C-alpha atoms as a PDB file:
ATOM      1  CA  MET A   1     110.609 106.140 -53.415  1.00  0.00           C
ATOM      2  CA  SER A   2     114.267 107.256 -53.327  1.00  0.00           C
ATOM      3  CA  ASN A   3     116.241 108.009 -56.465  1.00  0.00           C
ATOM      4  CA  VAL A   4     118.679 105.072 -55.809  1.00  0.00           C
ATOM      5  CA  ILE A   5     115.751 102.616 -55.464  1.00  0.00           C
ATOM      6  CA  VAL A   6     114.299 103.824 -58.782  1.00  0.00           C
ATOM      7  CA  GLN A   7     117.685 103.514 -60.465  1.00  0.00           C
ATOM      8  CA  LEU A   8     118.165  99.956 -59.071  1.00  0.00           C
ATOM      9  CA  LEU A   9     114.674  99.010 -60.305  1.00  0.00           C
ATOM     10  CA  ILE A  10     115.494 100.332 -63.766  1.00  0.00           C
ATOM     11  CA  ILE A  11     118.847  98.463 -63.775  1.00  0.00           C
ATOM     12  CA  GLY A  12     117.013  95.270 -62.840  1.00  0.00           C
ATOM     13  CA  LEU A  13     114.390  95.864 -65.519  1.00  0.00           C
ATOM     14  CA  VAL A  14     116.967  96.424 -68.232  1.00  0.00           C
ATOM     15  CA  ALA A  15     118.999  93.421 -67.077  1.00  0.00           C
ATOM     16  CA  GLY A  16     115.823  91.326 -67.034  1.00  0.00           C
ATOM     17  CA  ILE A  17     114.937  92.269 -70.572  1.00  0.00           C
ATOM     18  CA  ALA A  18     118.536  91.526 -71.696  1.00  0.00           C
ATOM     19  CA  GLY A  19     118.447  88.253 -69.741  1.00  0.00           C
ATOM     20  CA  GLY A  20     115.220  87.188 -71.399  1.00  0.00           C
ATOM     21  CA  MET A  21     116.438  88.154 -74.832  1.00  0.00           C
ATOM     22  CA  PHE A  22     120.091  87.183 -74.758  1.00  0.00           C
ATOM     23  CA  GLY A  23     120.661  85.123 -71.580  1.00  0.00           C
ATOM     24  CA  ILE A  24     122.803  87.892 -70.008  1.00  0.00           C
ATOM     25  CA  GLY A  25     122.245  90.208 -67.135  1.00  0.00           C
ATOM     26  CA  GLY A  26     124.405  90.203 -64.060  1.00  0.00           C
ATOM     27  CA  GLY A  27     127.837  90.661 -65.421  1.00  0.00           C
ATOM     28  CA  ALA A  28     127.021  92.445 -68.650  1.00  0.00           C
ATOM     29  CA  ILE A  29     124.291  94.825 -67.432  1.00  0.00           C
ATOM     30  CA  MET A  30     123.853  95.132 -63.704  1.00  0.00           C
ATOM     31  CA  VAL A  31     127.505  95.348 -62.623  1.00  0.00           C
ATOM     32  CA  PRO A  32     128.599  98.056 -65.078  1.00  0.00           C
ATOM     33  CA  ALA A  33     125.392 100.030 -64.422  1.00  0.00           C
ATOM     34  CA  MET A  34     125.942  99.954 -60.662  1.00  0.00           C
ATOM     35  CA  VAL A  35     129.618 100.936 -61.039  1.00  0.00           C
ATOM     36  CA  LEU A  36     129.260 103.565 -63.733  1.00  0.00           C
ATOM     37  CA  LEU A  37     125.828 105.033 -62.935  1.00  0.00           C
ATOM     38  CA  LEU A  38     125.612 104.601 -59.165  1.00  0.00           C
ATOM     39  CA  GLY A  39     129.273 104.875 -58.383  1.00  0.00           C
ATOM     40  CA  MET A  40     129.451 101.546 -56.482  1.00  0.00           C
ATOM     41  CA  ASP A  41     132.718  99.803 -55.824  1.00  0.00           C
ATOM     42  CA  GLN A  42     133.355  96.965 -58.351  1.00  0.00           C
ATOM     43  CA  LYS A  43     133.379  94.233 -55.729  1.00  0.00           C
ATOM     44  CA  PHE A  44     130.269  95.651 -54.002  1.00  0.00           C
ATOM     45  CA  ALA A  45     128.422  95.790 -57.332  1.00  0.00           C
ATOM     46  CA  THR A  46     129.476  92.205 -58.128  1.00  0.00           C
ATOM     47  CA  GLY A  47     128.253  90.971 -54.763  1.00  0.00           C
ATOM     48  CA  THR A  48     124.948  92.798 -55.163  1.00  0.00           C
ATOM     49  CA  SER A  49     124.496  91.324 -58.670  1.00  0.00           C
ATOM     50  CA  VAL A  50     125.163  87.781 -57.415  1.00  0.00           C
ATOM     51  CA  ALA A  51     122.750  88.204 -54.531  1.00  0.00           C
ATOM     52  CA  ALA A  52     120.032  89.567 -56.855  1.00  0.00           C
ATOM     53  CA  GLN A  53     120.329  86.392 -58.982  1.00  0.00           C
ATOM     54  CA  ILE A  54     119.886  83.892 -56.149  1.00  0.00           C
ATOM     55  CA  LEU A  55     116.207  83.484 -56.716  1.00  0.00           C
ATOM     56  CA  PRO A  56     114.999  81.677 -59.841  1.00  0.00           C
ATOM     57  CA  ILE A  57     114.843  84.908 -61.785  1.00  0.00           C
ATOM     58  CA  GLY A  58     114.758  83.215 -65.178  1.00  0.00           C
ATOM     59  CA  LEU A  59     111.871  80.920 -64.312  1.00  0.00           C
ATOM     60  CA  PHE A  60     109.146  82.649 -66.343  1.00  0.00           C
ATOM     61  CA  ALA A  61     111.496  83.235 -69.345  1.00  0.00           C
ATOM     62  CA  ALA A  62     112.531  79.580 -69.235  1.00  0.00           C
ATOM     63  CA  ILE A  63     108.903  78.509 -69.349  1.00  0.00           C
ATOM     64  CA  VAL A  64     108.381  80.635 -72.482  1.00  0.00           C
ATOM     65  CA  TYR A  65     111.499  79.155 -74.146  1.00  0.00           C
ATOM     66  CA  GLN A  66     110.486  75.611 -73.153  1.00  0.00           C
ATOM     67  CA  ARG A  67     106.972  76.075 -74.578  1.00  0.00           C
ATOM     68  CA  ASN A  68     108.506  77.185 -77.848  1.00  0.00           C
ATOM     69  CA  GLY A  69     110.966  74.240 -78.060  1.00  0.00           C
ATOM     70  CA  ASN A  70     113.990  76.401 -77.396  1.00  0.00           C
ATOM     71  CA  LEU A  71     115.307  74.888 -74.172  1.00  0.00           C
ATOM     72  CA  ASN A  72     116.989  71.655 -73.161  1.00  0.00           C
ATOM     73  CA  PRO A  73     116.390  71.280 -69.385  1.00  0.00           C
ATOM     74  CA  TRP A  74     119.254  68.772 -69.057  1.00  0.00           C
ATOM     75  CA  HIS A  75     121.694  71.189 -70.623  1.00  0.00           C
ATOM     76  CA  ALA A  76     120.418  73.893 -68.278  1.00  0.00           C
ATOM     77  CA  LEU A  77     120.868  71.641 -65.258  1.00  0.00           C
ATOM     78  CA  TYR A  78     124.470  70.820 -66.166  1.00  0.00           C
ATOM     79  CA  ILE A  79     125.220  74.520 -66.686  1.00  0.00           C
ATOM     80  CA  ALA A  80     123.579  75.289 -63.339  1.00  0.00           C
ATOM     81  CA  ILE A  81     125.872  72.790 -61.592  1.00  0.00           C
ATOM     82  CA  GLY A  82     128.861  74.441 -63.215  1.00  0.00           C
ATOM     83  CA  LEU A  83     127.574  77.845 -62.215  1.00  0.00           C
ATOM     84  CA  LEU A  84     127.244  76.796 -58.562  1.00  0.00           C
ATOM     85  CA  ILE A  85     130.823  75.614 -58.451  1.00  0.00           C
ATOM     86  CA  GLY A  86     132.178  78.370 -60.687  1.00  0.00           C
ATOM     87  CA  ASN A  87     130.445  81.164 -58.710  1.00  0.00           C
ATOM     88  CA  LEU A  88     132.028  79.864 -55.518  1.00  0.00           C
ATOM     89  CA  PHE A  89     135.530  79.802 -56.981  1.00  0.00           C
ATOM     90  CA  GLY A  90     135.041  83.187 -58.653  1.00  0.00           C
ATOM     91  CA  ALA A  91     133.851  84.737 -55.404  1.00  0.00           C
ATOM     92  CA  LEU A  92     136.718  83.209 -53.442  1.00  0.00           C
ATOM     93  CA  PHE A  93     139.234  84.609 -55.942  1.00  0.00           C
ATOM     94  CA  ALA A  94     137.633  88.061 -56.224  1.00  0.00           C
ATOM     95  CA  ASN A  95     137.630  88.515 -52.497  1.00  0.00           C
ATOM     96  CA  GLN A  96     141.319  87.770 -51.925  1.00  0.00           C
ATOM     97  CA  PRO A  97     143.194  90.679 -50.355  1.00  0.00           C
ATOM     98  CA  TYR A  98     145.549  90.923 -53.355  1.00  0.00           C
ATOM     99  CA  VAL A  99     142.655  91.377 -55.801  1.00  0.00           C
ATOM    100  CA  SER A 100     141.680  95.043 -55.763  1.00  0.00           C
ATOM    101  CA  SER A 101     138.507  96.589 -57.143  1.00  0.00           C
ATOM    102  CA  GLU A 102     140.664  98.296 -59.741  1.00  0.00           C
ATOM    103  CA  MET A 103     142.066  94.939 -60.826  1.00  0.00           C
ATOM    104  CA  MET A 104     138.495  93.548 -61.025  1.00  0.00           C
ATOM    105  CA  LYS A 105     137.437  96.448 -63.258  1.00  0.00           C
ATOM    106  CA  LYS A 106     140.341  95.750 -65.619  1.00  0.00           C
ATOM    107  CA  LEU A 107     139.751  91.973 -65.708  1.00  0.00           C
ATOM    108  CA  TYR A 108     136.066  92.631 -66.358  1.00  0.00           C
ATOM    109  CA  GLY A 109     136.840  95.078 -69.127  1.00  0.00           C
ATOM    110  CA  VAL A 110     139.176  92.560 -70.838  1.00  0.00           C
ATOM    111  CA  PHE A 111     136.484  89.880 -70.474  1.00  0.00           C
ATOM    112  CA  LEU A 112     133.844  92.063 -72.158  1.00  0.00           C
ATOM    113  CA  PHE A 113     136.259  93.168 -74.864  1.00  0.00           C
ATOM    114  CA  VAL A 114     137.221  89.618 -75.769  1.00  0.00           C
ATOM    115  CA  ILE A 115     133.574  88.465 -75.821  1.00  0.00           C
ATOM    116  CA  GLY A 116     132.534  91.504 -77.879  1.00  0.00           C
ATOM    117  CA  GLY A 117     135.361  90.931 -80.336  1.00  0.00           C
ATOM    118  CA  ARG A 118     134.434  87.279 -80.676  1.00  0.00           C
ATOM    119  CA  TYR A 119     130.833  88.166 -81.447  1.00  0.00           C
ATOM    120  CA  LEU A 120     131.739  90.894 -83.914  1.00  0.00           C
ATOM    121  CA  PHE A 121     134.569  89.256 -85.887  1.00  0.00           C
ATOM    122  CA  PHE A 122     134.290  85.490 -85.578  1.00  0.00           C
ATOM    123  CA  ARG A 123     131.659  82.872 -86.060  1.00  0.00           C
END
């Protein structure tokens, strides 16, 4: 097995663990890992992350949360509808000729910084 395949499998494993624990994965784990560790272009890493999440990757984790009374399927459905529409608009924006990979990196960094600050300093 090639080194890149092993690295991608490890990235997926770490993102899966984070997804199961915190509900994150694609944007917070896979994209930065592909950009920083594998040297992928920001847009290429984002596209790869989105494609990896097409299948129902959270199915088994959702079953565990449901069995423990920690999931509202209706809330999840409404979020999924928003995700479908939001992902389309996000992809359309990110792939405009005036949006460079460098701009995407900066926007992404600001996004993570704001979310991190919110978690650290506010309720």
